[in-house]
Every structure is written in C-alpha cells, then in structure tokens.
Amino acid sequence: MKYFGRSVALAIKGRSLAGQATVKQTEIRFKATPQDVKVTKLSSGVTVASLENYSPVSRIAVVYGAGSRHEPSNALGITHCLRVAANQSSKKATAFSIAKNIQQIGGSLSCSTSREMVMYSVSCLRKNLATGVEHLNNVATGHDFRPWEVHDAANVQKQDVEIYSNSTEAQLIEAVHKAAYRDTLGQSLYMPSDRVGTFSCRDLEAFVKTYYVAHNAVIAGVGIDHDVLVHLARKFTFAPGHAPEHKKAKYHGGELRMDRRIPLVHAAVVTEGAALGGADLLPLGLLGFVLGAGPYVKYSGNLASSRIAKAAASATSFPFVASAISAAYSDSGLFGFQVTTDARDAGKVLKAIVTTMGQATKNTITKDDVLRAKHQLKACMYMEAEGAEETLKWIGAEALLSGQVIDCSQLESEVDKVTLEDVNRVAKKILNGKPSMVAVGDLSSTPYLDELI
C-alpha cells in the first residue's frame, strides 16, 4: 500500500501558503540562544538531564540501569520480556487507553534495551507534553503485570527470537560479546528460545522491584526547557531505593564458530578496548578511523583511506565489507574488526587484515592519519548529535553511567588534545591484547583463532 501522508501534508502546507500570498509579510525573528546539556539531581535520587534544541517535538525518556548484564543466571532474557511488555496495562491505565491517548496526540511511545540500560521514551508536540508525560509515567513506573497480557506477549517474544535467528549480523555481535565476556556483558539482548513464554508475573515484578528504583533512574529530555523537565520529573512515581551493585565485567577472550549453509562468512576479531570515561577512549576512537570505520562515499570500497579495506581487497576479488568496530561500556570495551566476504577467500582475507592490524602497532601511523581521523571523529560526533533520538539515548546513558553529560564542544576540545604518540601507544596496548574471534557461515576455509594469530 502506498503511503501518502507526506503528500497530503505538503498539499495542505502549499494551500496555506497560497492563501497568505496577498497578505503583507512581516518579518519575525526568533533568537534561539544555544543551550548546553543541563543536569540536576533530585532529592529523591533521580537524575534529570536535558538539552533544549528548540524543536517543535519534545522527547522524554526514563532510563534505568537494568540491561541484560543485570539479569540473574536463572532469568536470562527477562529484560527482553520486559521490553515486549512495555505496551501492556499499568496500574492507572489499560493498554488500550495508553495506545489511544498517545495516538490522539500524534505521539510515539517506545521501549528499548541495551546491555547496561532500559529506556522508556515518549515523543510528542510540546503542547501535548502533559498527556505524553502522564502515560510515560504509567508505562515506566506503574507496572502492573497481568497474567493474560504476559501470556499473550509470548507470541511477540517468539517472533523476536525468530527474527534474531535469521539475522547473521545480530548473531555475530551477540556471539562476540559472549566469547569475550561469557557472562555480564556477554549476556544477550535476546532471550534463549527455550525461555520464550516462561517468565511469570512474579519474575517480572521481582526484577522491576530490584532495579526500577529512584537512585537507579534518569529522566532525559531533548526539545524541552530544563526547568520544565525538572518540574515534570517531580511528578513521576519512582519507588525509593538503590539498585544492587552489578558484577564487574571481566574480559576472558575466546572463540565461537557457527557453521551455516550460506555462501558467505561473517567474522569478527576483537580484543579488550577502553571503558567509558577511560583515558584510552578517545585515542582508541581515532585509531578506529585510522584503520577504517566504514565507507564515506555510498557504494564505495573505501580503499582511499581504510587500511582494513585495502588489506581485504588485496586478498580477494569477490565483494566484501570490512571495517573497524568498537563498543564501550561502563567498565570495559571491545575493539577490533568485522568482515563479510565470500567463504572461499575467508582465510586469506582474515589473515591479510590481521597482518595490517599488526603493522599498526609498529609506529606506522602518521600525523596526517591522526589529523584525518580527528576530522572524521568530530564530524561523526556532530552528525549523530543532530538526530534527536540518538541525542536522547546519549544523554540518558551518560547521565546514568557517570552522573554528568559532556557536550560535543567539550569532546571536540578533548579530541584535539590527543597526540600521535597517544594513538600509537593505544594501538600497541589494545591490538596486542588477548583476542576473541567469532565466525558465522560456511567455515570450510576459515582458520581457527590460533591459526590466525
């Protein structure tokens, strides 16, 4: 079915402008003062963080430190279950009432999870904030798990698991974390297939009671005045208390191989990277761009500047995708490369990239490489900050994990302070670390980790 909503909106706008054509135009100027991210700690223990960007749409999120890493060993997948249950009835409103009222204001209500947090968010026009916040409060703090709704959610859980099982990319990322950490950060965002439909109301209530508490919560906002958000935050009904300390992530290193009847190999090799807030985080980010962090021209092979792509191209005549990858968490991180290539040349491609990564530890990185990487990192940072949804996640995560939010201008100045020596030092430290490897696909020509390194 063809979607025509945008065409209708443009037609209405055009008609409106045509009707005003004969009216004398008066120039109206609105001076928007640039705002920094503001953070306030409420007496209840809740942290409030916001950025006023003067958008007509306000976005507000409730963030808890309750990601998959916090799942007990006997309840793996419970955060996936809670994510699916986000559209269910609360103590003050039914699922139908929440959906109807959010639709009436043209809003959007969603829930997402990561390894370290869960985020409930609402987006709506500024003038409809009262309704949006009311139902965000219902969904994020007023959980009321009803047996029939929890039972019916099993179908959605099953669908999610089926989609995951057919996504080689998702399986690769989950397996990389599993091989590297085993538990904690190695615990998947997706529930095991044998746990679908097994979580009871009591299980969900126990997890929520433990982690959905005031001192483990952040209210983040984009497109809203900070004082207004603080006022609204005081109306949220958080349970008092502190969440238990989570187990510190320990990098182990390991190897996982998943043989599939497909013509490609998807592989990743990583070592332990830098944690959020660590001294090595920015130099490591620059190292990623020096090695090659994806193409900058659509459909290009990125051979002009990517060392990883050049190495892969030298080893195969088949199409491929190769890039540096990284992930940073509160107490650890991953850094390495990911490649997708024809199964017949997988061994040659992997060996070529590993050789190139090894050369980067021998002071082969130049000042020009670092200067280019700085431009790319800063551009990437500012481009992502233009997206309100990404900005909301960034503010929520920063406020939750560190209690403060560093804005882009501050990060830019910190990036400028990184030297060539810093990047070379981090390259030797990280790339010489204990490796982990995951490969998915036809592995007949894919070497094992001890054969590769």
Protein backbone atom coordinates (compact mmCIF):
# COMPACT_ATOMS: atom_id res chain seq x y z
CA MET A 1 0.00 0.00 0.00
CA LYS A 2 1.40 3.37 -0.97
CA TYR A 3 1.92 5.74 1.92
CA PHE A 4 0.68 9.22 1.06
CA GLY A 5 0.68 11.07 4.39
CA ARG A 6 3.63 13.24 3.42
CA SER A 7 1.99 14.27 0.14
CA VAL A 8 -1.18 15.33 1.96
CA ALA A 9 0.82 17.34 4.48
CA LEU A 10 2.72 19.13 1.72
CA ALA A 11 -0.51 19.85 -0.14
CA ILE A 12 -2.08 21.42 2.96
CA LYS A 13 1.06 23.47 3.56
CA GLY A 14 1.04 24.66 -0.05
CA ARG A 15 -2.62 25.67 0.15
CA SER A 16 -1.96 27.58 3.35
CA LEU A 17 0.93 29.49 1.81
CA ALA A 18 -1.12 30.26 -1.30
CA GLY A 19 -3.89 31.75 0.83
CA GLN A 20 -1.40 34.02 2.56
CA ALA A 21 0.25 35.25 -0.62
CA THR A 22 -1.74 38.50 -0.70
CA VAL A 23 -1.13 39.28 2.96
CA LYS A 24 1.60 41.76 3.71
CA GLN A 25 4.56 39.88 5.08
CA THR A 26 6.01 40.91 8.40
CA GLU A 27 9.47 39.69 9.27
CA ILE A 28 9.58 37.95 12.62
CA ARG A 29 12.90 36.96 14.06
CA PHE A 30 13.31 34.47 16.87
CA LYS A 31 16.68 34.43 18.56
CA ALA A 32 17.40 30.96 19.87
CA THR A 33 20.23 31.01 22.39
CA PRO A 34 22.40 27.88 22.08
CA GLN A 35 21.95 25.64 25.11
CA ASP A 36 24.24 23.19 26.84
CA VAL A 37 23.13 19.96 28.44
CA LYS A 38 21.91 20.61 31.98
CA VAL A 39 21.87 18.05 34.78
CA THR A 40 20.02 18.16 38.11
CA LYS A 41 19.95 15.61 40.92
CA LEU A 42 16.61 15.49 42.71
CA SER A 43 16.28 14.81 46.42
CA SER A 44 14.57 11.52 45.53
CA GLY A 45 17.78 10.30 43.90
CA VAL A 46 16.56 10.65 40.30
CA THR A 47 18.91 12.40 37.87
CA VAL A 48 17.34 14.82 35.37
CA ALA A 49 19.30 15.74 32.21
CA SER A 50 18.13 17.71 29.20
CA LEU A 51 19.08 19.64 26.09
CA GLU A 52 16.88 22.41 24.76
CA ASN A 53 17.20 22.40 20.97
CA TYR A 54 14.02 24.41 20.23
CA SER A 55 12.48 21.54 18.31
CA PRO A 56 8.66 21.56 17.98
CA VAL A 57 8.78 17.94 19.13
CA SER A 58 9.75 17.10 22.71
CA ARG A 59 11.30 13.77 23.57
CA ILE A 60 11.47 12.48 27.14
CA ALA A 61 12.85 9.19 28.41
CA VAL A 62 13.03 7.28 31.66
CA VAL A 63 16.27 5.30 31.82
CA TYR A 64 17.13 2.58 34.34
CA GLY A 65 20.43 0.81 34.88
CA ALA A 66 18.77 -2.53 34.17
CA GLY A 67 20.17 -4.02 30.98
CA SER A 68 20.88 -7.61 30.05
CA ARG A 69 24.11 -7.62 32.08
CA HIS A 70 21.97 -7.29 35.23
CA GLU A 71 19.98 -10.45 34.57
CA PRO A 72 20.50 -13.24 37.13
CA SER A 73 21.71 -16.53 35.68
CA ASN A 74 18.34 -18.15 36.30
CA ALA A 75 16.45 -15.40 34.46
CA LEU A 76 18.39 -14.81 31.25
CA GLY A 77 16.18 -12.96 28.80
CA ILE A 78 13.99 -11.20 31.36
CA THR A 79 14.90 -7.74 30.04
CA HIS A 80 13.77 -8.88 26.60
CA CYS A 81 10.48 -9.92 28.19
CA LEU A 82 10.15 -6.52 29.89
CA ARG A 83 10.82 -4.75 26.61
CA VAL A 84 7.98 -6.65 24.97
CA ALA A 85 5.73 -5.96 27.98
CA ALA A 86 6.16 -2.18 27.70
CA ASN A 87 2.87 -1.79 25.81
CA GLN A 88 0.83 -3.59 28.46
CA SER A 89 -1.55 -2.16 31.05
CA SER A 90 -0.25 -0.20 34.03
CA LYS A 91 -1.71 0.45 37.47
CA LYS A 92 -3.51 3.59 36.28
CA ALA A 93 -4.32 2.87 32.63
CA THR A 94 -5.12 -0.06 30.39
CA ALA A 95 -3.05 -0.90 27.33
CA PHE A 96 -5.92 0.28 25.14
CA SER A 97 -6.16 3.61 26.98
CA ILE A 98 -2.43 4.26 26.71
CA ALA A 99 -2.37 3.46 22.97
CA LYS A 100 -5.50 5.50 22.26
CA ASN A 101 -4.33 8.61 24.11
CA ILE A 102 -0.83 8.54 22.63
CA GLN A 103 -2.34 8.22 19.15
CA GLN A 104 -4.74 11.09 19.84
CA ILE A 105 -1.84 13.49 20.39
CA GLY A 106 0.14 12.10 17.43
CA GLY A 107 2.81 10.82 19.79
CA SER A 108 5.06 7.81 19.96
CA LEU A 109 5.81 5.61 22.97
CA SER A 110 8.56 3.02 22.89
CA CYS A 111 10.94 0.88 24.92
CA SER A 112 14.47 -0.23 24.08
CA THR A 113 17.12 -2.16 25.97
CA SER A 114 20.88 -2.47 25.83
CA ARG A 115 23.45 -4.35 27.84
CA GLU A 116 23.50 -1.70 30.55
CA MET A 117 20.13 0.05 30.50
CA VAL A 118 16.46 0.02 29.60
CA MET A 119 14.83 3.16 28.19
CA TYR A 120 11.14 4.06 28.05
CA SER A 121 10.57 7.12 25.86
CA VAL A 122 7.79 9.31 24.52
CA SER A 123 7.83 11.81 21.64
CA CYS A 124 5.10 14.38 21.09
CA LEU A 125 4.44 18.02 20.24
CA ARG A 126 5.36 20.43 23.02
CA LYS A 127 1.78 21.48 23.58
CA ASN A 128 0.86 17.83 24.29
CA LEU A 129 3.61 17.18 26.83
CA ALA A 130 1.21 16.77 29.74
CA THR A 131 -0.51 13.80 28.11
CA GLY A 132 2.74 12.30 26.86
CA VAL A 133 4.43 12.51 30.26
CA GLU A 134 1.37 11.11 32.03
CA HIS A 135 1.50 7.92 30.00
CA LEU A 136 5.28 7.70 30.12
CA ASN A 137 4.94 7.74 33.88
CA ASN A 138 2.31 4.99 33.65
CA VAL A 139 4.48 2.78 31.47
CA ALA A 140 7.84 3.38 33.16
CA THR A 141 6.90 3.43 36.85
CA GLY A 142 3.41 1.94 37.18
CA HIS A 143 3.96 -1.65 36.09
CA ASP A 144 1.03 -3.97 36.74
CA PHE A 145 1.75 -7.30 35.12
CA ARG A 146 -1.46 -9.16 34.34
CA PRO A 147 -1.25 -12.91 33.67
CA TRP A 148 -3.24 -12.87 30.43
CA GLU A 149 -1.18 -10.00 28.98
CA VAL A 150 2.12 -11.60 29.96
CA HIS A 151 0.93 -14.88 28.41
CA ASP A 152 -0.10 -13.18 25.15
CA ALA A 153 3.30 -11.44 24.91
CA ALA A 154 4.93 -14.82 24.29
CA ASN A 155 3.95 -14.57 20.62
CA VAL A 156 5.92 -11.34 20.24
CA GLN A 157 8.88 -12.86 22.09
CA LYS A 158 8.81 -15.83 19.72
CA GLN A 159 8.73 -13.50 16.73
CA ASP A 160 11.70 -11.52 18.05
CA VAL A 161 13.72 -14.69 18.57
CA GLU A 162 12.84 -15.89 15.04
CA ILE A 163 13.97 -12.58 13.55
CA TYR A 164 17.19 -12.77 15.57
CA SER A 165 17.85 -16.34 14.44
CA ASN A 166 17.65 -15.17 10.83
CA SER A 167 19.91 -12.16 11.30
CA THR A 168 23.54 -13.17 10.84
CA GLU A 169 24.69 -9.67 11.78
CA ALA A 170 22.85 -9.73 15.12
CA GLN A 171 24.10 -13.23 15.90
CA LEU A 172 27.67 -12.14 15.19
CA ILE A 173 27.53 -9.18 17.57
CA GLU A 174 25.91 -11.21 20.35
CA ALA A 175 28.43 -14.02 19.90
CA VAL A 176 31.39 -11.61 20.01
CA HIS A 177 30.24 -10.40 23.43
CA LYS A 178 29.65 -13.97 24.60
CA ALA A 179 33.11 -15.11 23.53
CA ALA A 180 34.77 -12.08 25.11
CA TYR A 181 32.94 -11.90 28.45
CA ARG A 182 30.96 -15.15 28.95
CA ASP A 183 28.59 -13.56 31.50
CA THR A 184 27.84 -9.88 32.42
CA LEU A 185 28.37 -8.03 29.13
CA GLY A 186 28.30 -11.39 27.36
CA GLN A 187 24.63 -11.91 28.22
CA SER A 188 22.48 -11.50 25.13
CA LEU A 189 19.87 -8.86 24.40
CA TYR A 190 17.65 -11.72 23.22
CA MET A 191 16.17 -14.43 25.40
CA PRO A 192 17.11 -18.06 24.73
CA SER A 193 14.49 -19.79 22.61
CA ASP A 194 13.68 -22.21 25.43
CA ARG A 195 12.78 -19.29 27.73
CA VAL A 196 10.06 -17.87 25.48
CA GLY A 197 6.82 -17.64 27.44
CA THR A 198 8.37 -18.96 30.67
CA PHE A 199 8.60 -15.75 32.71
CA SER A 200 5.79 -15.25 35.19
CA CYS A 201 4.30 -12.03 36.57
CA ARG A 202 6.17 -12.71 39.79
CA ASP A 203 9.51 -12.95 37.92
CA LEU A 204 8.94 -9.60 36.20
CA GLU A 205 7.77 -7.92 39.41
CA ALA A 206 10.87 -9.11 41.27
CA PHE A 207 13.26 -7.70 38.66
CA VAL A 208 11.37 -4.39 38.47
CA LYS A 209 11.31 -4.08 42.26
CA THR A 210 15.08 -4.60 42.37
CA TYR A 211 16.23 -2.29 39.56
CA TYR A 212 13.44 0.18 38.73
CA VAL A 213 14.20 2.46 41.69
CA ALA A 214 14.86 6.18 42.07
CA HIS A 215 18.63 6.09 42.64
CA ASN A 216 19.00 3.90 39.54
CA ALA A 217 16.91 6.16 37.27
CA VAL A 218 17.45 9.06 34.90
CA ILE A 219 14.86 11.28 33.23
CA ALA A 220 16.36 12.62 30.00
CA GLY A 221 14.84 15.15 27.65
CA VAL A 222 15.52 16.74 24.27
CA GLY A 223 13.50 19.67 22.99
CA ILE A 224 12.33 20.80 26.41
CA ASP A 225 13.33 23.53 28.85
CA HIS A 226 15.30 22.08 31.75
CA ASP A 227 13.24 23.76 34.47
CA VAL A 228 10.07 22.40 32.88
CA LEU A 229 11.53 18.90 32.79
CA VAL A 230 12.60 19.13 36.44
CA HIS A 231 9.06 20.18 37.35
CA LEU A 232 7.60 17.25 35.39
CA ALA A 233 10.15 14.83 36.87
CA ARG A 234 8.89 15.52 40.38
CA LYS A 235 5.52 14.08 39.34
CA PHE A 236 6.94 10.67 38.46
CA THR A 237 6.19 7.94 40.98
CA PHE A 238 9.52 6.14 41.32
CA ALA A 239 9.97 3.52 44.00
CA PRO A 240 12.60 4.70 46.52
CA GLY A 241 15.88 2.90 46.97
CA HIS A 242 19.17 1.85 45.39
CA ALA A 243 19.83 -0.97 42.95
CA PRO A 244 22.42 -3.60 43.92
CA GLU A 245 25.95 -3.21 42.56
CA HIS A 246 26.35 -5.13 39.34
CA LYS A 247 29.09 -7.69 38.83
CA LYS A 248 32.15 -6.16 37.21
CA ALA A 249 32.69 -7.32 33.64
CA LYS A 250 35.77 -9.48 33.16
CA TYR A 251 37.24 -9.91 29.71
CA HIS A 252 38.20 -13.55 29.14
CA GLY A 253 38.73 -13.92 25.40
CA GLY A 254 37.54 -16.92 23.46
CA GLU A 255 36.28 -18.28 20.17
CA LEU A 256 32.86 -19.23 18.82
CA ARG A 257 32.18 -20.77 15.40
CA MET A 258 28.70 -21.18 13.92
CA ASP A 259 28.60 -23.21 10.72
CA ARG A 260 25.78 -22.19 8.38
CA ARG A 261 24.84 -23.26 4.87
CA ILE A 262 25.37 -19.84 3.31
CA PRO A 263 27.96 -18.73 0.71
CA LEU A 264 29.44 -16.00 2.93
CA VAL A 265 31.48 -15.78 6.10
CA HIS A 266 30.76 -13.09 8.68
CA ALA A 267 33.67 -12.81 11.09
CA ALA A 268 34.89 -10.53 13.85
CA VAL A 269 38.16 -10.43 15.77
CA VAL A 270 38.39 -8.19 18.84
CA THR A 271 40.47 -7.51 21.93
CA GLU A 272 39.52 -5.69 25.11
CA GLY A 273 39.08 -1.99 24.37
CA ALA A 274 38.51 1.08 26.51
CA ALA A 275 35.75 1.71 29.03
CA LEU A 276 33.57 4.82 29.01
CA GLY A 277 35.44 7.67 30.65
CA GLY A 278 38.78 5.91 30.34
CA ALA A 279 41.92 7.74 29.25
CA ASP A 280 42.27 5.48 26.20
CA LEU A 281 38.74 6.01 24.86
CA LEU A 282 39.39 8.95 22.51
CA PRO A 283 42.79 7.72 21.21
CA LEU A 284 41.12 4.38 20.52
CA GLY A 285 38.28 6.12 18.70
CA LEU A 286 40.83 7.82 16.48
CA LEU A 287 42.62 4.53 15.91
CA GLY A 288 39.35 3.10 14.60
CA PHE A 289 39.13 5.83 11.97
CA VAL A 290 42.82 5.41 11.09
CA LEU A 291 42.24 1.71 10.41
CA GLY A 292 38.95 2.32 8.60
CA ALA A 293 35.50 2.78 10.11
CA GLY A 294 33.26 2.23 7.11
CA PRO A 295 32.87 3.89 3.68
CA TYR A 296 32.28 7.64 3.39
CA VAL A 297 31.07 7.50 -0.19
CA LYS A 298 27.98 5.39 -0.82
CA TYR A 299 28.70 2.04 -2.51
CA SER A 300 32.44 2.74 -2.49
CA GLY A 301 35.00 0.23 -1.33
CA ASN A 302 36.60 2.84 0.96
CA LEU A 303 40.01 1.97 -0.43
CA ALA A 304 41.30 5.55 -0.36
CA SER A 305 41.90 5.69 3.40
CA SER A 306 40.81 2.44 5.06
CA ARG A 307 43.75 0.19 5.85
CA ILE A 308 41.40 -2.68 6.66
CA ALA A 309 39.53 -2.36 3.35
CA LYS A 310 42.81 -2.19 1.41
CA ALA A 311 44.02 -5.36 3.10
CA ALA A 312 40.80 -7.21 2.29
CA ALA A 313 40.87 -6.02 -1.33
CA SER A 314 44.40 -7.34 -1.74
CA ALA A 315 43.26 -10.83 -0.70
CA THR A 316 40.06 -11.32 -2.69
CA SER A 317 38.41 -10.42 -5.97
CA PHE A 318 34.95 -11.05 -4.53
CA PRO A 319 32.80 -8.30 -2.99
CA PHE A 320 33.39 -7.72 0.73
CA VAL A 321 32.62 -5.40 3.61
CA ALA A 322 35.33 -4.75 6.19
CA SER A 323 35.55 -2.19 8.97
CA ALA A 324 36.96 -1.48 12.42
CA ILE A 325 34.42 -1.96 15.21
CA SER A 326 34.29 -0.85 18.83
CA ALA A 327 31.98 -0.87 21.82
CA ALA A 328 32.45 0.95 25.12
CA TYR A 329 30.72 0.17 28.41
CA SER A 330 30.97 1.44 31.97
CA ASP A 331 33.77 -0.95 32.97
CA SER A 332 35.15 -2.47 29.76
CA GLY A 333 35.00 -2.33 25.98
CA LEU A 334 35.78 -4.13 22.73
CA PHE A 335 37.88 -3.11 19.75
CA GLY A 336 38.76 -4.92 16.55
CA PHE A 337 37.42 -5.53 13.07
CA GLN A 338 34.46 -7.14 11.34
CA VAL A 339 34.39 -8.55 7.82
CA THR A 340 31.89 -10.19 5.49
CA THR A 341 33.37 -11.96 2.48
CA ASP A 342 32.98 -14.94 0.17
CA ALA A 343 33.57 -18.16 2.07
CA ARG A 344 36.19 -19.32 -0.44
CA ASP A 345 38.53 -16.44 0.37
CA ALA A 346 37.69 -16.02 4.06
CA GLY A 347 41.03 -17.34 5.29
CA LYS A 348 43.10 -15.11 3.01
CA VAL A 349 41.03 -12.02 3.86
CA LEU A 350 41.22 -12.59 7.61
CA LYS A 351 44.98 -13.15 7.52
CA ALA A 352 45.52 -10.01 5.42
CA ILE A 353 43.52 -7.85 7.85
CA VAL A 354 45.23 -9.34 10.92
CA THR A 355 48.61 -8.57 9.33
CA THR A 356 47.52 -4.97 8.72
CA MET A 357 46.31 -4.64 12.31
CA GLY A 358 49.69 -5.90 13.49
CA GLN A 359 51.53 -3.33 11.38
CA ALA A 360 49.56 -0.57 13.10
CA THR A 361 51.36 -1.45 16.36
CA LYS A 362 54.78 -0.68 14.83
CA ASN A 363 54.60 3.14 14.70
CA THR A 364 53.33 3.17 11.10
CA ILE A 365 50.58 5.69 11.94
CA THR A 366 51.42 9.23 10.81
CA LYS A 367 50.38 12.73 11.88
CA ASP A 368 48.32 13.04 8.70
CA ASP A 369 46.48 9.82 9.60
CA VAL A 370 45.62 11.20 13.03
CA LEU A 371 44.57 14.59 11.64
CA ARG A 372 42.20 12.93 9.17
CA ALA A 373 40.85 10.68 11.93
CA LYS A 374 40.18 13.71 14.12
CA HIS A 375 38.14 15.36 11.37
CA GLN A 376 36.19 12.13 10.82
CA LEU A 377 35.55 11.54 14.53
CA LYS A 378 34.35 15.09 15.15
CA ALA A 379 32.14 15.05 12.05
CA CYS A 380 30.64 11.71 13.09
CA MET A 381 30.05 13.04 16.61
CA TYR A 382 28.24 16.17 15.43
CA MET A 383 26.23 14.32 12.78
CA GLU A 384 24.93 11.88 15.37
CA ALA A 385 24.13 14.76 17.72
CA GLU A 386 21.80 16.20 15.05
CA GLY A 387 19.49 13.23 15.49
CA ALA A 388 17.15 13.84 18.42
CA GLU A 389 16.62 10.13 19.14
CA GLU A 390 20.36 9.41 19.25
CA THR A 391 20.93 12.50 21.38
CA LEU A 392 18.27 11.36 23.84
CA LYS A 393 19.94 7.96 24.20
CA TRP A 394 23.35 9.59 24.60
CA ILE A 395 22.16 11.99 27.31
CA GLY A 396 20.34 9.21 29.17
CA ALA A 397 23.31 6.83 29.05
CA GLU A 398 25.87 9.46 30.07
CA ALA A 399 23.77 10.71 32.97
CA LEU A 400 23.07 7.16 34.15
CA LEU A 401 26.61 5.82 33.95
CA SER A 402 28.60 8.87 35.03
CA GLY A 403 26.13 11.34 36.55
CA GLN A 404 27.18 14.03 34.08
CA VAL A 405 26.94 14.74 30.36
CA ILE A 406 29.85 16.12 28.32
CA ASP A 407 28.62 18.11 25.33
CA CYS A 408 30.06 17.96 21.82
CA SER A 409 32.11 21.15 22.15
CA GLN A 410 33.91 19.75 25.19
CA LEU A 411 34.52 16.46 23.42
CA GLU A 412 35.87 18.29 20.40
CA SER A 413 38.46 20.08 22.53
CA GLU A 414 39.45 16.77 24.14
CA VAL A 415 39.84 15.16 20.71
CA ASP A 416 42.16 17.99 19.65
CA LYS A 417 44.40 17.25 22.65
CA VAL A 418 45.07 13.66 21.54
CA THR A 419 48.57 13.29 20.07
CA LEU A 420 50.15 10.90 17.58
CA GLU A 421 52.02 9.34 20.49
CA ASP A 422 48.73 8.66 22.30
CA VAL A 423 47.31 6.83 19.27
CA ASN A 424 50.47 4.76 18.75
CA ARG A 425 50.57 3.89 22.45
CA VAL A 426 46.96 2.74 22.46
CA ALA A 427 47.47 0.78 19.22
CA LYS A 428 50.25 -1.25 20.82
CA LYS A 429 48.34 -1.74 24.05
CA ILE A 430 44.98 -2.74 22.59
CA LEU A 431 45.91 -4.60 19.41
CA ASN A 432 48.45 -6.75 21.26
CA GLY A 433 45.82 -7.80 23.79
CA LYS A 434 44.21 -11.22 24.12
CA PRO A 435 41.95 -11.76 21.10
CA SER A 436 38.43 -13.13 20.73
CA MET A 437 37.03 -14.42 17.45
CA VAL A 438 33.61 -15.30 16.09
CA ALA A 439 32.80 -16.65 12.64
CA VAL A 440 29.39 -17.40 11.14
CA GLY A 441 28.77 -19.04 7.75
CA ASP A 442 30.47 -21.64 5.59
CA LEU A 443 33.62 -22.09 7.68
CA SER A 444 35.36 -24.68 5.50
CA SER A 445 38.09 -22.16 4.57
CA THR A 446 38.01 -20.08 7.76
CA PRO A 447 41.01 -20.61 10.07
CA TYR A 448 40.68 -21.03 13.82
CA LEU A 449 41.88 -18.24 16.07
CA ASP A 450 45.17 -19.98 16.98
CA GLU A 451 45.88 -20.45 13.26
CA LEU A 452 45.17 -16.80 12.55
CA ILE A 453 47.15 -15.07 15.29
